[in-house]
Amino acid sequence: MSIKQKTGRARPSNRLVAKGGVIEPSSQVLLFNPDQWEEFILAATRQRTLLSGAQYAFVKRLGGAGDGGRDVEARFVPDLKIDEWDLYQAKHYKSGLTKSDAYPEMAKFFKQLALKTYPRPKTYYICCPRAIGNELHNVMAAGAETFKAAFVTAWQNETHGMTGRAAELTPEVMAAINDFDFGRFVECQVNELLAWHKRDQAAHNELFGIVAERKDDDEVPATPTSHEGVYIEELMKVYTEHQQAPVTLSDIDIDTGTYAEHFMAQRQVFYCAEGLHRFSRDIYPDEPEFEKLLKMVHDGIRPTVTQLKLKSGMDRLDAAVDKASSLQVHESRLSPQLRGGDLPGTCHHLVNNGKLTWVKK
């Protein structure tokens, strides 16, 4: 039985999914109340990575009375300076945002700029879970000057939500309008906010009820693969010591007795643990969760494996597998996904990594 590279059909990837009965995050945000929507925007902006590669230096929610038309203030530098911060305005309505929804908020914003309540921001992000409606989208897409002219005309003529407010368009406010590039009004789409929020995977999963789904493990290939080499070699040493005569892979291949059964059982649990290893890489690509689990298992079985009463490699192997099966590893993030053969199989992964041997030299 030679050791070859593994081949076969592609296996479905492990993934994160919404719990049974839980709708997708992009739909859940539609059910948020205004306070929850603002808190979500706050959490998302705190995780945002800017073009510079850095994150905001300071992020604060100011929604509510006295917010001056800024629900979330996100600064590039610690101090609040002109063009060194972004303003996030949260609008959680039952339909797409209209001119009549947006223009009164924009008027509030320009009045605060005129009053110097805060300096001009770099970008004014409009955040609405049902997106900006077609009419408002079209005028924004027509270009900064066209958008500005439409807004000023609506204010002067008291249309689109600006009824009775023409007198508020003072020279100071008009100066603030002229000083602001309307291209800085930008729709912040839900998918962007979700992508930023997801960078804190634990918080994202908790908020939206997302759990890891472990797919079926790979079947044990008929021919051992190259990455099984070390632990299989150690098994041959165990069998050689036990039989008191050389045992090789070729012998196992033609053997229908004890060693063949034992050998296949060890390969099965190795592949159980290999499935957990793959799951760990898929779900926690930036965290060595499987390696942490291996250390827990090693720490847990080492006192057993090193007992002086264990006289043979078979004794040590059996003792290690039995002990590993009974370990409690609740502190591991992989614990909820454990299957029957996973912990016994980690023993062979430890052998593969050079952390264990069964036969003493």
Protein backbone atom coordinates (compact mmCIF):
# COMPACT_ATOMS: atom_id res chain seq x y z
CA MET A 1 0.00 0.00 0.00
CA SER A 2 1.88 3.07 -1.19
CA ILE A 3 1.34 6.63 -0.01
CA LYS A 4 0.06 8.88 -2.80
CA GLN A 5 -1.30 12.36 -3.23
CA LYS A 6 -5.01 12.55 -2.50
CA THR A 7 -7.44 13.03 -5.38
CA GLY A 8 -11.21 13.08 -5.65
CA ARG A 9 -14.25 15.27 -6.01
CA ALA A 10 -14.40 18.70 -4.45
CA ARG A 11 -15.98 18.83 -1.02
CA PRO A 12 -18.46 21.61 -0.03
CA SER A 13 -16.82 24.30 2.08
CA ASN A 14 -17.74 24.82 5.69
CA ARG A 15 -19.46 28.15 6.16
CA LEU A 16 -21.28 30.51 8.48
CA VAL A 17 -25.07 30.41 8.18
CA ALA A 18 -28.07 31.94 9.89
CA LYS A 19 -29.60 29.68 12.52
CA GLY A 20 -32.71 27.75 11.53
CA GLY A 21 -35.58 30.21 11.19
CA VAL A 22 -33.30 33.26 11.26
CA ILE A 23 -33.38 35.54 8.23
CA GLU A 24 -30.28 36.93 6.55
CA PRO A 25 -28.60 40.04 8.04
CA SER A 26 -29.53 42.20 5.04
CA SER A 27 -33.18 41.46 5.82
CA GLN A 28 -32.82 41.65 9.59
CA VAL A 29 -31.68 45.27 9.46
CA LEU A 30 -35.05 46.16 7.92
CA LEU A 31 -36.62 45.15 11.24
CA PHE A 32 -34.36 47.30 13.40
CA ASN A 33 -35.85 50.26 15.20
CA PRO A 34 -34.13 53.64 14.69
CA ASP A 35 -31.99 53.27 17.83
CA GLN A 36 -30.84 49.80 16.81
CA TRP A 37 -30.03 51.09 13.33
CA GLU A 38 -27.86 53.87 14.77
CA GLU A 39 -26.10 51.42 17.10
CA PHE A 40 -25.45 49.11 14.16
CA ILE A 41 -23.93 51.98 12.14
CA LEU A 42 -21.79 52.93 15.13
CA ALA A 43 -20.46 49.36 15.48
CA ALA A 44 -19.87 49.07 11.73
CA THR A 45 -17.94 52.33 11.41
CA ARG A 46 -15.73 51.36 14.34
CA GLN A 47 -14.63 48.33 12.31
CA ARG A 48 -14.22 50.14 8.99
CA THR A 49 -10.78 50.03 7.39
CA LEU A 50 -10.08 53.25 5.48
CA LEU A 51 -8.18 53.58 2.22
CA SER A 52 -5.07 54.39 4.25
CA GLY A 53 -5.33 50.99 5.90
CA ALA A 54 -6.08 52.59 9.26
CA GLN A 55 -9.35 52.85 11.16
CA TYR A 56 -11.09 55.94 12.45
CA ALA A 57 -9.29 57.52 15.40
CA PHE A 58 -12.56 58.39 17.16
CA VAL A 59 -16.15 57.28 16.58
CA LYS A 60 -19.16 58.46 18.58
CA ARG A 61 -22.91 58.23 18.28
CA LEU A 62 -24.69 61.57 18.71
CA GLY A 63 -28.19 60.64 17.51
CA GLY A 64 -31.10 62.27 19.31
CA ALA A 65 -31.93 65.79 20.41
CA GLY A 66 -29.04 68.19 19.88
CA ASP A 67 -27.15 65.98 17.46
CA GLY A 68 -26.95 68.81 14.93
CA GLY A 69 -27.88 66.50 12.07
CA ARG A 70 -25.10 63.97 12.73
CA ASP A 71 -26.01 60.59 14.11
CA VAL A 72 -22.47 59.21 14.08
CA GLU A 73 -19.28 61.27 14.04
CA ALA A 74 -16.18 59.44 12.81
CA ARG A 75 -12.84 61.25 12.95
CA PHE A 76 -9.65 60.49 11.05
CA VAL A 77 -7.62 62.23 13.79
CA PRO A 78 -8.36 62.62 17.50
CA ASP A 79 -9.50 66.25 17.19
CA LEU A 80 -12.56 67.39 15.23
CA LYS A 81 -11.11 69.32 12.28
CA ILE A 82 -12.34 70.51 8.89
CA ASP A 83 -12.36 67.70 6.29
CA GLU A 84 -10.87 65.31 8.87
CA TRP A 85 -14.05 63.47 9.78
CA ASP A 86 -17.06 61.71 8.25
CA LEU A 87 -20.69 62.27 9.18
CA TYR A 88 -23.10 59.32 9.15
CA GLN A 89 -26.79 60.13 9.04
CA ALA A 90 -29.14 57.24 9.87
CA LYS A 91 -32.58 57.23 8.27
CA HIS A 92 -34.63 54.11 9.02
CA TYR A 93 -37.85 54.48 7.08
CA LYS A 94 -40.39 51.99 5.70
CA SER A 95 -39.52 52.81 2.11
CA GLY A 96 -36.66 54.20 0.04
CA LEU A 97 -35.43 57.66 1.04
CA THR A 98 -37.08 60.52 -0.86
CA LYS A 99 -36.14 64.16 -1.47
CA SER A 100 -38.74 65.13 1.13
CA ASP A 101 -36.96 62.89 3.66
CA ALA A 102 -33.44 64.04 2.81
CA TYR A 103 -33.76 67.79 2.17
CA PRO A 104 -34.90 68.78 5.72
CA GLU A 105 -31.92 66.84 7.16
CA MET A 106 -29.57 68.50 4.71
CA ALA A 107 -30.99 71.90 5.68
CA LYS A 108 -30.31 71.14 9.33
CA PHE A 109 -26.77 70.17 8.41
CA PHE A 110 -26.04 73.41 6.54
CA LYS A 111 -27.53 75.52 9.31
CA GLN A 112 -25.15 73.85 11.77
CA LEU A 113 -22.21 74.49 9.45
CA ALA A 114 -23.25 78.15 9.28
CA LEU A 115 -23.45 78.27 13.09
CA LYS A 116 -20.01 76.57 13.25
CA THR A 117 -21.42 73.87 15.52
CA TYR A 118 -18.91 71.60 13.84
CA PRO A 119 -16.49 71.95 10.90
CA ARG A 120 -17.14 70.72 7.38
CA PRO A 121 -16.85 66.91 7.10
CA LYS A 122 -15.06 65.09 4.33
CA THR A 123 -18.10 62.94 3.51
CA TYR A 124 -21.76 63.00 4.51
CA TYR A 125 -22.94 59.38 4.44
CA ILE A 126 -26.66 58.73 4.10
CA CYS A 127 -27.46 55.36 5.69
CA CYS A 128 -30.89 53.88 5.05
CA PRO A 129 -31.66 50.14 5.09
CA ARG A 130 -34.16 50.38 2.23
CA ALA A 131 -31.74 52.47 0.18
CA ILE A 132 -32.18 55.85 -1.44
CA GLY A 133 -35.29 56.03 -3.62
CA ASN A 134 -35.08 56.46 -7.38
CA GLU A 135 -35.96 60.16 -7.47
CA LEU A 136 -33.30 61.15 -4.95
CA HIS A 137 -30.79 58.72 -6.46
CA ASN A 138 -31.27 60.23 -9.92
CA VAL A 139 -30.69 63.81 -8.81
CA MET A 140 -27.59 62.79 -6.82
CA ALA A 141 -26.26 60.82 -9.80
CA ALA A 142 -26.78 63.81 -12.11
CA GLY A 143 -23.74 65.49 -10.57
CA ALA A 144 -22.85 67.72 -7.65
CA GLU A 145 -23.93 71.01 -9.22
CA THR A 146 -27.25 69.63 -10.44
CA PHE A 147 -27.94 68.15 -7.01
CA LYS A 148 -27.03 71.42 -5.30
CA ALA A 149 -29.27 73.45 -7.62
CA ALA A 150 -32.22 71.10 -7.06
CA PHE A 151 -31.80 71.32 -3.29
CA VAL A 152 -31.50 75.12 -3.21
CA THR A 153 -34.50 75.50 -5.53
CA ALA A 154 -36.60 73.23 -3.32
CA TRP A 155 -35.62 75.31 -0.27
CA GLN A 156 -36.37 78.61 -1.97
CA ASN A 157 -39.70 77.36 -3.33
CA GLU A 158 -40.60 75.47 -0.16
CA THR A 159 -41.11 72.13 -1.91
CA HIS A 160 -40.01 68.56 -1.12
CA GLY A 161 -40.41 68.76 2.62
CA MET A 162 -39.24 72.37 2.94
CA THR A 163 -42.66 74.01 3.44
CA GLY A 164 -42.46 77.27 5.45
CA ARG A 165 -38.65 77.23 5.61
CA ALA A 166 -37.55 79.64 2.88
CA ALA A 167 -36.64 82.29 5.45
CA GLU A 168 -34.07 79.94 6.96
CA LEU A 169 -31.98 80.10 3.80
CA THR A 170 -29.90 83.04 5.07
CA PRO A 171 -26.73 84.40 3.42
CA GLU A 172 -24.67 82.56 6.05
CA VAL A 173 -26.41 79.28 5.28
CA MET A 174 -26.04 79.89 1.53
CA ALA A 175 -22.33 80.47 2.07
CA ALA A 176 -22.08 77.11 3.83
CA ILE A 177 -23.90 75.48 0.92
CA ASN A 178 -21.53 77.09 -1.60
CA ASP A 179 -18.55 75.93 0.46
CA PHE A 180 -19.66 72.29 0.32
CA ASP A 181 -19.13 69.97 -2.64
CA PHE A 182 -22.42 68.10 -3.07
CA GLY A 183 -20.42 65.15 -4.33
CA ARG A 184 -19.66 64.59 -0.66
CA PHE A 185 -23.22 63.43 -0.11
CA VAL A 186 -22.84 59.67 -0.52
CA GLU A 187 -25.21 56.77 -0.01
CA CYS A 188 -23.70 54.22 2.38
CA GLN A 189 -25.28 50.97 1.29
CA VAL A 190 -26.32 48.17 3.62
CA ASN A 191 -23.85 45.72 2.10
CA GLU A 192 -20.98 48.09 2.94
CA LEU A 193 -22.12 48.48 6.55
CA LEU A 194 -22.53 44.71 6.89
CA ALA A 195 -19.05 44.11 5.47
CA TRP A 196 -17.51 46.52 7.98
CA HIS A 197 -19.54 45.11 10.87
CA LYS A 198 -18.51 41.56 9.95
CA ARG A 199 -14.87 42.37 10.65
CA ASP A 200 -15.75 41.74 14.29
CA GLN A 201 -16.92 38.23 13.48
CA ALA A 202 -17.98 37.34 17.02
CA ALA A 203 -20.12 40.47 17.45
CA HIS A 204 -21.56 40.07 13.96
CA ASN A 205 -22.53 36.44 14.59
CA GLU A 206 -24.07 37.31 17.95
CA LEU A 207 -26.14 40.19 16.56
CA PHE A 208 -27.51 38.29 13.58
CA GLY A 209 -27.78 34.77 15.03
CA ILE A 210 -25.13 33.30 12.73
CA VAL A 211 -23.58 29.94 13.52
CA ALA A 212 -20.89 27.84 11.91
CA GLU A 213 -22.07 24.93 9.79
CA ARG A 214 -19.71 21.97 9.48
CA LYS A 215 -20.13 20.04 6.27
CA ASP A 216 -19.57 16.31 5.87
CA ASP A 217 -15.96 15.26 6.35
CA ASP A 218 -13.95 13.75 3.53
CA GLU A 219 -14.20 10.00 3.14
CA VAL A 220 -11.10 8.03 4.04
CA PRO A 221 -9.27 7.46 0.74
CA ALA A 222 -8.50 3.84 -0.11
CA THR A 223 -4.83 4.69 -0.55
CA PRO A 224 -3.07 6.66 2.20
CA THR A 225 -2.07 10.18 1.19
CA SER A 226 1.24 11.97 1.57
CA HIS A 227 0.17 13.98 4.60
CA GLU A 228 -0.52 10.76 6.53
CA GLY A 229 3.09 9.63 6.25
CA VAL A 230 4.41 10.37 9.75
CA TYR A 231 1.63 8.90 11.85
CA ILE A 232 1.36 5.83 9.56
CA GLU A 233 5.09 5.23 9.92
CA GLU A 234 4.64 5.38 13.68
CA LEU A 235 1.77 2.89 13.46
CA MET A 236 4.04 0.49 11.56
CA LYS A 237 6.50 0.74 14.46
CA VAL A 238 3.68 -0.07 16.88
CA TYR A 239 2.68 -3.15 14.87
CA THR A 240 6.31 -4.23 14.44
CA GLU A 241 6.91 -4.04 18.17
CA HIS A 242 3.62 -5.81 18.90
CA GLN A 243 4.30 -8.67 16.46
CA GLN A 244 8.01 -8.72 17.22
CA ALA A 245 8.63 -8.86 13.49
CA PRO A 246 8.68 -6.18 10.76
CA VAL A 247 5.27 -4.92 9.60
CA THR A 248 4.99 -2.64 6.56
CA LEU A 249 2.21 -0.99 4.62
CA SER A 250 2.39 -3.81 2.11
CA ASP A 251 1.76 -6.28 4.90
CA ILE A 252 -1.28 -4.31 6.03
CA ASP A 253 -2.57 -4.22 2.46
CA ILE A 254 -2.77 -7.99 2.20
CA ASP A 255 -3.64 -8.59 5.85
CA THR A 256 -7.29 -9.24 6.71
CA GLY A 257 -6.66 -9.68 10.42
CA THR A 258 -6.16 -7.53 13.50
CA TYR A 259 -3.71 -4.99 12.14
CA ALA A 260 -5.82 -4.19 9.07
CA GLU A 261 -8.87 -3.45 11.20
CA HIS A 262 -6.88 -1.46 13.71
CA PHE A 263 -5.09 0.46 10.96
CA MET A 264 -8.35 1.46 9.23
CA ALA A 265 -9.86 2.55 12.56
CA GLN A 266 -6.90 4.85 13.18
CA ARG A 267 -7.15 6.32 9.68
CA GLN A 268 -10.87 6.93 10.17
CA VAL A 269 -10.36 8.98 13.31
CA PHE A 270 -7.44 10.81 11.68
CA TYR A 271 -9.80 11.91 8.92
CA CYS A 272 -12.46 12.90 11.43
CA ALA A 273 -9.94 15.27 12.98
CA GLU A 274 -8.83 16.33 9.49
CA GLY A 275 -12.44 17.37 8.82
CA LEU A 276 -12.35 19.49 11.98
CA HIS A 277 -9.04 20.95 10.82
CA ARG A 278 -10.58 21.93 7.49
CA PHE A 279 -13.60 23.41 9.27
CA SER A 280 -11.26 25.48 11.43
CA ARG A 281 -9.43 26.84 8.40
CA ASP A 282 -12.68 27.70 6.61
CA ILE A 283 -14.40 29.43 9.52
CA TYR A 284 -11.43 30.91 11.41
CA PRO A 285 -8.88 31.54 8.63
CA ASP A 286 -6.91 34.05 10.69
CA GLU A 287 -6.94 32.13 13.98
CA PRO A 288 -5.05 28.86 14.71
CA GLU A 289 -8.03 27.29 16.44
CA PHE A 290 -7.17 23.71 15.46
CA GLU A 291 -3.59 24.14 16.65
CA LYS A 292 -4.92 25.50 19.97
CA LEU A 293 -7.11 22.41 20.27
CA LEU A 294 -4.14 20.13 19.57
CA LYS A 295 -2.26 21.79 22.42
CA MET A 296 -5.22 21.26 24.75
CA VAL A 297 -5.34 17.58 23.81
CA HIS A 298 -1.58 17.20 24.17
CA ASP A 299 -1.64 18.81 27.61
CA GLY A 300 -4.57 16.57 28.58
CA ILE A 301 -3.14 13.22 27.47
CA ARG A 302 0.55 13.72 28.24
CA PRO A 303 0.37 12.57 31.90
CA THR A 304 -1.42 9.42 30.72
CA VAL A 305 0.90 8.63 27.82
CA THR A 306 4.02 9.00 29.97
CA GLN A 307 2.91 6.59 32.69
CA LEU A 308 5.69 4.11 33.48
CA LYS A 309 3.25 1.22 33.62
CA LEU A 310 2.69 1.51 29.87
CA LYS A 311 5.22 -0.92 28.44
CA SER A 312 4.57 -0.85 24.71
CA GLY A 313 3.70 1.48 21.89
CA MET A 314 0.29 -0.17 21.59
CA ASP A 315 -0.32 0.50 25.29
CA ARG A 316 0.57 4.17 24.85
CA LEU A 317 -1.53 4.53 21.70
CA ASP A 318 -4.60 2.94 23.28
CA ALA A 319 -4.19 4.97 26.49
CA ALA A 320 -3.84 8.22 24.54
CA VAL A 321 -6.91 7.59 22.39
CA ASP A 322 -9.01 6.59 25.41
CA LYS A 323 -7.94 9.64 27.37
CA ALA A 324 -8.47 12.00 24.44
CA SER A 325 -12.01 10.68 24.00
CA SER A 326 -12.94 11.78 27.53
CA LEU A 327 -11.30 15.22 27.53
CA GLN A 328 -13.42 18.32 28.14
CA VAL A 329 -12.34 21.09 25.76
CA HIS A 330 -15.21 23.54 26.20
CA GLU A 331 -12.83 26.51 26.06
CA SER A 332 -12.05 25.69 22.42
CA ARG A 333 -14.06 27.59 19.82
CA LEU A 334 -14.27 24.29 17.95
CA SER A 335 -15.93 22.49 20.85
CA PRO A 336 -19.55 22.91 19.59
CA GLN A 337 -18.59 21.22 16.31
CA LEU A 338 -16.83 18.15 17.74
CA ARG A 339 -17.78 14.75 16.37
CA GLY A 340 -17.11 11.31 17.82
CA GLY A 341 -13.76 10.62 16.19
CA ASP A 342 -12.32 14.13 16.37
CA LEU A 343 -10.47 14.02 19.68
CA PRO A 344 -9.07 10.49 19.18
CA GLY A 345 -7.97 11.59 15.71
CA THR A 346 -6.07 14.56 17.11
CA CYS A 347 -3.65 12.06 18.66
CA HIS A 348 -2.47 11.09 15.17
CA HIS A 349 -2.25 14.73 14.18
CA LEU A 350 0.01 15.28 17.18
CA VAL A 351 2.18 12.42 15.95
CA ASN A 352 2.22 13.96 12.47
CA ASN A 353 3.39 17.24 14.05
CA GLY A 354 6.17 15.54 15.97
CA LYS A 355 4.58 16.08 19.38
CA LEU A 356 4.02 12.40 20.19
CA THR A 357 5.58 9.00 19.49
CA TRP A 358 4.21 5.66 20.53
CA VAL A 359 7.29 3.44 20.46
CA LYS A 360 10.20 4.34 22.67
CA LYS A 361 13.60 4.26 21.01
